[in-house]
C-alpha atoms as a PDB file:
ATOM      1  CA  MET A   1     -12.643  37.464  24.163  1.00  0.00           C
ATOM      2  CA  THR A   2     -10.423  35.876  26.662  1.00  0.00           C
ATOM      3  CA  PHE A   3      -6.841  36.939  27.546  1.00  0.00           C
ATOM      4  CA  LYS A   4      -5.579  33.631  26.010  1.00  0.00           C
ATOM      5  CA  THR A   5      -7.427  34.467  22.724  1.00  0.00           C
ATOM      6  CA  ILE A   6      -5.842  37.784  22.671  1.00  0.00           C
ATOM      7  CA  LEU A   7      -2.470  36.527  23.408  1.00  0.00           C
ATOM      8  CA  SER A   8      -2.755  34.002  20.606  1.00  0.00           C
ATOM      9  CA  SER A   9      -4.062  36.548  18.215  1.00  0.00           C
ATOM     10  CA  ALA A  10      -1.011  38.895  19.096  1.00  0.00           C
ATOM     11  CA  ALA A  11       1.453  35.954  18.593  1.00  0.00           C
ATOM     12  CA  VAL A  12      -0.035  34.984  15.095  1.00  0.00           C
ATOM     13  CA  ALA A  13      -0.048  38.791  14.159  1.00  0.00           C
ATOM     14  CA  ALA A  14       3.406  39.275  15.249  1.00  0.00           C
ATOM     15  CA  PHE A  15       4.513  36.028  13.351  1.00  0.00           C
ATOM     16  CA  ALA A  16       2.742  37.256  10.144  1.00  0.00           C
ATOM     17  CA  THR A  17       4.333  40.745  10.235  1.00  0.00           C
ATOM     18  CA  GLY A  18       7.871  39.373  10.935  1.00  0.00           C
ATOM     19  CA  ALA A  19       8.027  40.799  14.431  1.00  0.00           C
ATOM     20  CA  PHE A  20       9.601  37.634  15.560  1.00  0.00           C
ATOM     21  CA  ALA A  21      13.129  38.433  14.233  1.00  0.00           C
ATOM     22  CA  ASP A  22      15.337  36.104  12.217  1.00  0.00           C
ATOM     23  CA  ASP A  23      18.776  37.006  13.566  1.00  0.00           C
ATOM     24  CA  THR A  24      20.647  34.420  11.522  1.00  0.00           C
ATOM     25  CA  THR A  25      21.800  37.116   9.035  1.00  0.00           C
ATOM     26  CA  THR A  26      23.136  39.106  11.860  1.00  0.00           C
ATOM     27  CA  VAL A  27      25.011  36.255  13.175  1.00  0.00           C
ATOM     28  CA  THR A  28      26.380  35.298   9.905  1.00  0.00           C
ATOM     29  CA  ALA A  29      28.512  38.554   9.955  1.00  0.00           C
ATOM     30  CA  PHE A  30      30.509  36.860  12.740  1.00  0.00           C
ATOM     31  CA  TYR A  31      31.474  34.015  10.536  1.00  0.00           C
ATOM     32  CA  ASP A  32      32.066  36.356   7.576  1.00  0.00           C
ATOM     33  CA  LEU A  33      34.674  38.194   9.702  1.00  0.00           C
ATOM     34  CA  LEU A  34      36.252  34.896  10.753  1.00  0.00           C
ATOM     35  CA  SER A  35      37.015  33.971   7.092  1.00  0.00           C
ATOM     36  CA  ASN A  36      37.915  37.444   6.055  1.00  0.00           C
ATOM     37  CA  PRO A  37      39.707  38.974   9.128  1.00  0.00           C
ATOM     38  CA  GLY A  38      41.809  41.343   7.064  1.00  0.00           C
ATOM     39  CA  SER A  39      38.700  43.004   5.384  1.00  0.00           C
ATOM     40  CA  LYS A  40      37.658  46.485   6.667  1.00  0.00           C
ATOM     41  CA  ASP A  41      34.256  45.833   5.384  1.00  0.00           C
ATOM     42  CA  HIS A  42      33.811  42.625   7.301  1.00  0.00           C
ATOM     43  CA  VAL A  43      35.141  44.235  10.348  1.00  0.00           C
ATOM     44  CA  ALA A  44      32.539  47.092   9.747  1.00  0.00           C
ATOM     45  CA  ALA A  45      29.813  44.632   9.385  1.00  0.00           C
ATOM     46  CA  PHE A  46      30.817  42.630  12.523  1.00  0.00           C
ATOM     47  CA  VAL A  47      30.771  45.930  14.553  1.00  0.00           C
ATOM     48  CA  ASP A  48      27.466  46.670  13.227  1.00  0.00           C
ATOM     49  CA  ALA A  49      26.214  43.275  14.158  1.00  0.00           C
ATOM     50  CA  THR A  50      27.413  43.365  17.728  1.00  0.00           C
ATOM     51  CA  SER A  51      26.579  45.445  20.668  1.00  0.00           C
ATOM     52  CA  GLU A  52      29.195  48.081  21.942  1.00  0.00           C
ATOM     53  CA  ASN A  53      29.558  45.749  25.075  1.00  0.00           C
ATOM     54  CA  TRP A  54      29.645  42.520  23.274  1.00  0.00           C
ATOM     55  CA  VAL A  55      31.953  39.766  24.762  1.00  0.00           C
ATOM     56  CA  SER A  56      33.408  36.456  23.646  1.00  0.00           C
ATOM     57  CA  VAL A  57      33.373  33.818  26.329  1.00  0.00           C
ATOM     58  CA  GLY A  58      35.495  30.975  25.278  1.00  0.00           C
ATOM     59  CA  ASP A  59      36.020  29.140  28.757  1.00  0.00           C
ATOM     60  CA  TYR A  60      35.120  29.257  32.436  1.00  0.00           C
ATOM     61  CA  SER A  61      38.173  31.182  33.611  1.00  0.00           C
ATOM     62  CA  GLY A  62      36.095  34.337  33.950  1.00  0.00           C
ATOM     63  CA  ASN A  63      38.065  35.929  31.328  1.00  0.00           C
ATOM     64  CA  SER A  64      36.417  37.200  28.287  1.00  0.00           C
ATOM     65  CA  LYS A  65      37.272  39.184  25.132  1.00  0.00           C
ATOM     66  CA  THR A  66      35.879  42.529  24.266  1.00  0.00           C
ATOM     67  CA  ARG A  67      34.795  43.330  20.752  1.00  0.00           C
ATOM     68  CA  ASP A  68      38.149  45.208  20.001  1.00  0.00           C
ATOM     69  CA  ALA A  69      40.294  42.358  21.546  1.00  0.00           C
ATOM     70  CA  PHE A  70      38.559  39.829  19.537  1.00  0.00           C
ATOM     71  CA  ILE A  71      38.785  41.869  16.259  1.00  0.00           C
ATOM     72  CA  GLY A  72      42.663  42.014  16.988  1.00  0.00           C
ATOM     73  CA  GLN A  73      42.881  38.275  17.885  1.00  0.00           C
ATOM     74  CA  VAL A  74      40.999  37.485  14.440  1.00  0.00           C
ATOM     75  CA  GLY A  75      43.295  39.742  12.571  1.00  0.00           C
ATOM     76  CA  GLY A  76      46.383  37.895  13.938  1.00  0.00           C
ATOM     77  CA  PHE A  77      44.752  34.511  13.095  1.00  0.00           C
ATOM     78  CA  GLY A  78      44.195  35.864   9.546  1.00  0.00           C
ATOM     79  CA  GLN A  79      48.012  36.666   9.184  1.00  0.00           C
ATOM     80  CA  LEU A  80      48.874  33.330  10.479  1.00  0.00           C
ATOM     81  CA  ILE A  81      46.327  31.481   8.525  1.00  0.00           C
ATOM     82  CA  PRO A  82      45.652  33.429   5.300  1.00  0.00           C
ATOM     83  CA  ASP A  83      43.331  30.654   3.949  1.00  0.00           C
ATOM     84  CA  LEU A  84      41.245  30.440   7.104  1.00  0.00           C
ATOM     85  CA  ASN A  85      37.567  29.578   6.315  1.00  0.00           C
ATOM     86  CA  TRP A  86      34.951  29.429   8.785  1.00  0.00           C
ATOM     87  CA  ALA A  87      31.884  27.629   7.166  1.00  0.00           C
ATOM     88  CA  VAL A  88      28.498  27.590   8.704  1.00  0.00           C
ATOM     89  CA  GLN A  89      27.096  24.100   8.713  1.00  0.00           C
ATOM     90  CA  ASP A  90      24.001  24.606  10.566  1.00  0.00           C
ATOM     91  CA  ILE A  91      22.219  27.495  12.295  1.00  0.00           C
ATOM     92  CA  HIS A  92      19.187  27.635  14.506  1.00  0.00           C
ATOM     93  CA  GLN A  93      17.558  30.322  16.230  1.00  0.00           C
ATOM     94  CA  ASP A  94      15.336  29.944  19.449  1.00  0.00           C
ATOM     95  CA  GLY A  95      14.171  33.374  20.808  1.00  0.00           C
ATOM     96  CA  ASP A  96      17.142  35.447  21.522  1.00  0.00           C
ATOM     97  CA  PHE A  97      19.843  32.624  21.062  1.00  0.00           C
ATOM     98  CA  VAL A  98      21.297  31.502  17.745  1.00  0.00           C
ATOM     99  CA  THR A  99      23.216  28.343  17.936  1.00  0.00           C
ATOM    100  CA  VAL A 100      25.638  27.513  15.218  1.00  0.00           C
ATOM    101  CA  ARG A 101      27.714  24.536  14.196  1.00  0.00           C
ATOM    102  CA  SER A 102      30.656  25.380  11.834  1.00  0.00           C
ATOM    103  CA  ARG A 103      33.707  24.074  10.277  1.00  0.00           C
ATOM    104  CA  ALA A 104      36.982  25.833  10.540  1.00  0.00           C
ATOM    105  CA  THR A 105      39.789  25.050   8.012  1.00  0.00           C
ATOM    106  CA  GLY A 106      43.122  26.467   7.331  1.00  0.00           C
ATOM    107  CA  THR A 107      46.797  26.081   6.712  1.00  0.00           C
ATOM    108  CA  PRO A 108      49.183  27.873   9.024  1.00  0.00           C
ATOM    109  CA  VAL A 109      52.171  29.532   7.478  1.00  0.00           C
ATOM    110  CA  ALA A 110      54.028  29.544  10.809  1.00  0.00           C
ATOM    111  CA  SER A 111      54.003  27.750  14.075  1.00  0.00           C
ATOM    112  CA  PHE A 112      50.476  27.549  15.582  1.00  0.00           C
ATOM    113  CA  PHE A 113      50.137  27.009  19.324  1.00  0.00           C
ATOM    114  CA  GLY A 114      53.751  25.761  19.278  1.00  0.00           C
ATOM    115  CA  VAL A 115      53.326  23.302  16.488  1.00  0.00           C
ATOM    116  CA  ASP A 116      55.158  23.585  13.272  1.00  0.00           C
ATOM    117  CA  GLY A 117      52.529  22.118  10.890  1.00  0.00           C
ATOM    118  CA  GLN A 118      55.086  22.048   7.917  1.00  0.00           C
ATOM    119  CA  GLY A 119      52.400  23.059   5.512  1.00  0.00           C
ATOM    120  CA  ARG A 120      49.616  20.926   6.869  1.00  0.00           C
ATOM    121  CA  SER A 121      46.070  22.113   7.133  1.00  0.00           C
ATOM    122  CA  PHE A 122      43.488  21.521   9.901  1.00  0.00           C
ATOM    123  CA  ASP A 123      39.794  20.828   9.573  1.00  0.00           C
ATOM    124  CA  ILE A 124      37.822  21.151  12.958  1.00  0.00           C
ATOM    125  CA  MET A 125      34.225  21.529  14.324  1.00  0.00           C
ATOM    126  CA  THR A 126      33.044  24.475  16.333  1.00  0.00           C
ATOM    127  CA  ILE A 127      29.904  25.289  18.306  1.00  0.00           C
ATOM    128  CA  ASP A 128      28.724  28.731  19.171  1.00  0.00           C
ATOM    129  CA  ILE A 129      25.880  30.134  21.017  1.00  0.00           C
ATOM    130  CA  HIS A 130      25.113  33.711  20.356  1.00  0.00           C
ATOM    131  CA  GLN A 131      22.650  35.836  22.492  1.00  0.00           C
ATOM    132  CA  LEU A 132      21.025  38.826  21.004  1.00  0.00           C
ATOM    133  CA  GLU A 133      19.575  41.937  22.492  1.00  0.00           C
ATOM    134  CA  ASP A 134      17.753  44.554  20.516  1.00  0.00           C
ATOM    135  CA  GLY A 135      18.741  42.773  17.179  1.00  0.00           C
ATOM    136  CA  LYS A 136      22.504  42.707  17.967  1.00  0.00           C
ATOM    137  CA  ILE A 137      24.837  40.084  19.289  1.00  0.00           C
ATOM    138  CA  ALA A 138      25.443  40.886  23.021  1.00  0.00           C
ATOM    139  CA  ARG A 139      27.674  37.925  23.789  1.00  0.00           C
ATOM    140  CA  SER A 140      28.937  34.699  22.283  1.00  0.00           C
ATOM    141  CA  TRP A 141      29.931  31.483  23.854  1.00  0.00           C
ATOM    142  CA  HIS A 142      32.249  29.274  21.749  1.00  0.00           C
ATOM    143  CA  VAL A 143      34.024  25.988  21.677  1.00  0.00           C
ATOM    144  CA  GLU A 144      36.585  25.092  18.861  1.00  0.00           C
ATOM    145  CA  ASP A 145      38.474  21.699  18.621  1.00  0.00           C
ATOM    146  CA  TRP A 146      41.872  23.333  18.636  1.00  0.00           C
ATOM    147  CA  ALA A 147      43.104  20.077  20.211  1.00  0.00           C
ATOM    148  CA  GLY A 148      42.098  18.340  16.956  1.00  0.00           C
ATOM    149  CA  ALA A 149      43.564  20.975  15.029  1.00  0.00           C
ATOM    150  CA  LEU A 150      47.039  20.689  16.761  1.00  0.00           C
ATOM    151  CA  GLN A 151      46.964  16.768  16.296  1.00  0.00           C
ATOM    152  CA  GLN A 152      46.175  17.144  12.481  1.00  0.00           C
ATOM    153  CA  LEU A 153      48.967  19.747  12.267  1.00  0.00           C
ATOM    154  CA  SER A 154      51.533  17.508  13.904  1.00  0.00           C
ATOM    155  CA  GLY A 155      50.607  14.658  11.667  1.00  0.00           C
ATOM    156  CA  LYS A 156      49.724  12.341  14.583  1.00  0.00           C
END
C-alpha cells in the first residue's frame, strides 16, 4: 500500500465519519446575536461559539474589537435599531474558513451615524469571513455597506 493510498483512505474515512467539520452552525450563532442583541441566550451562544481571544476585524487601521467590546457594540445597536435583522443569504465553508453573505435591515429610532432617518429603514449587504480554530470562531473579518445605509436613511 502506498502513502498516497493510505492518505486517500484516511481522507475518505474522515469524511465518512464526519471528521471534516461543518462549522456553519457555529458561525450562525454570530448572526443570531446580531439579530437578537438583547437576548442573554444569544449572547451566551455567541460566547460559546467564539474563542476567548476572538477578534473582530473591520478595517485596516490595526484596531480590532475583543469579544466583550463587540457584545457591547451589538447591544448598543440593538437599542438604536430594535428591529435589526441580520439574515444569512449564503454560507460557504472551505477548511477552517466560513464565508457569509448576509443582509442587514433595520429602522433606527434615533440619529444613526449622524443621520436622522425620520423613520426610514435600511437594507444592506454584508460580507464576513470567519476563521475557526478547534471548532470555535477565532477571528472575523467583516465589511458592511454602512454608506448605503446612510444614503437610504437620508432619503437620497
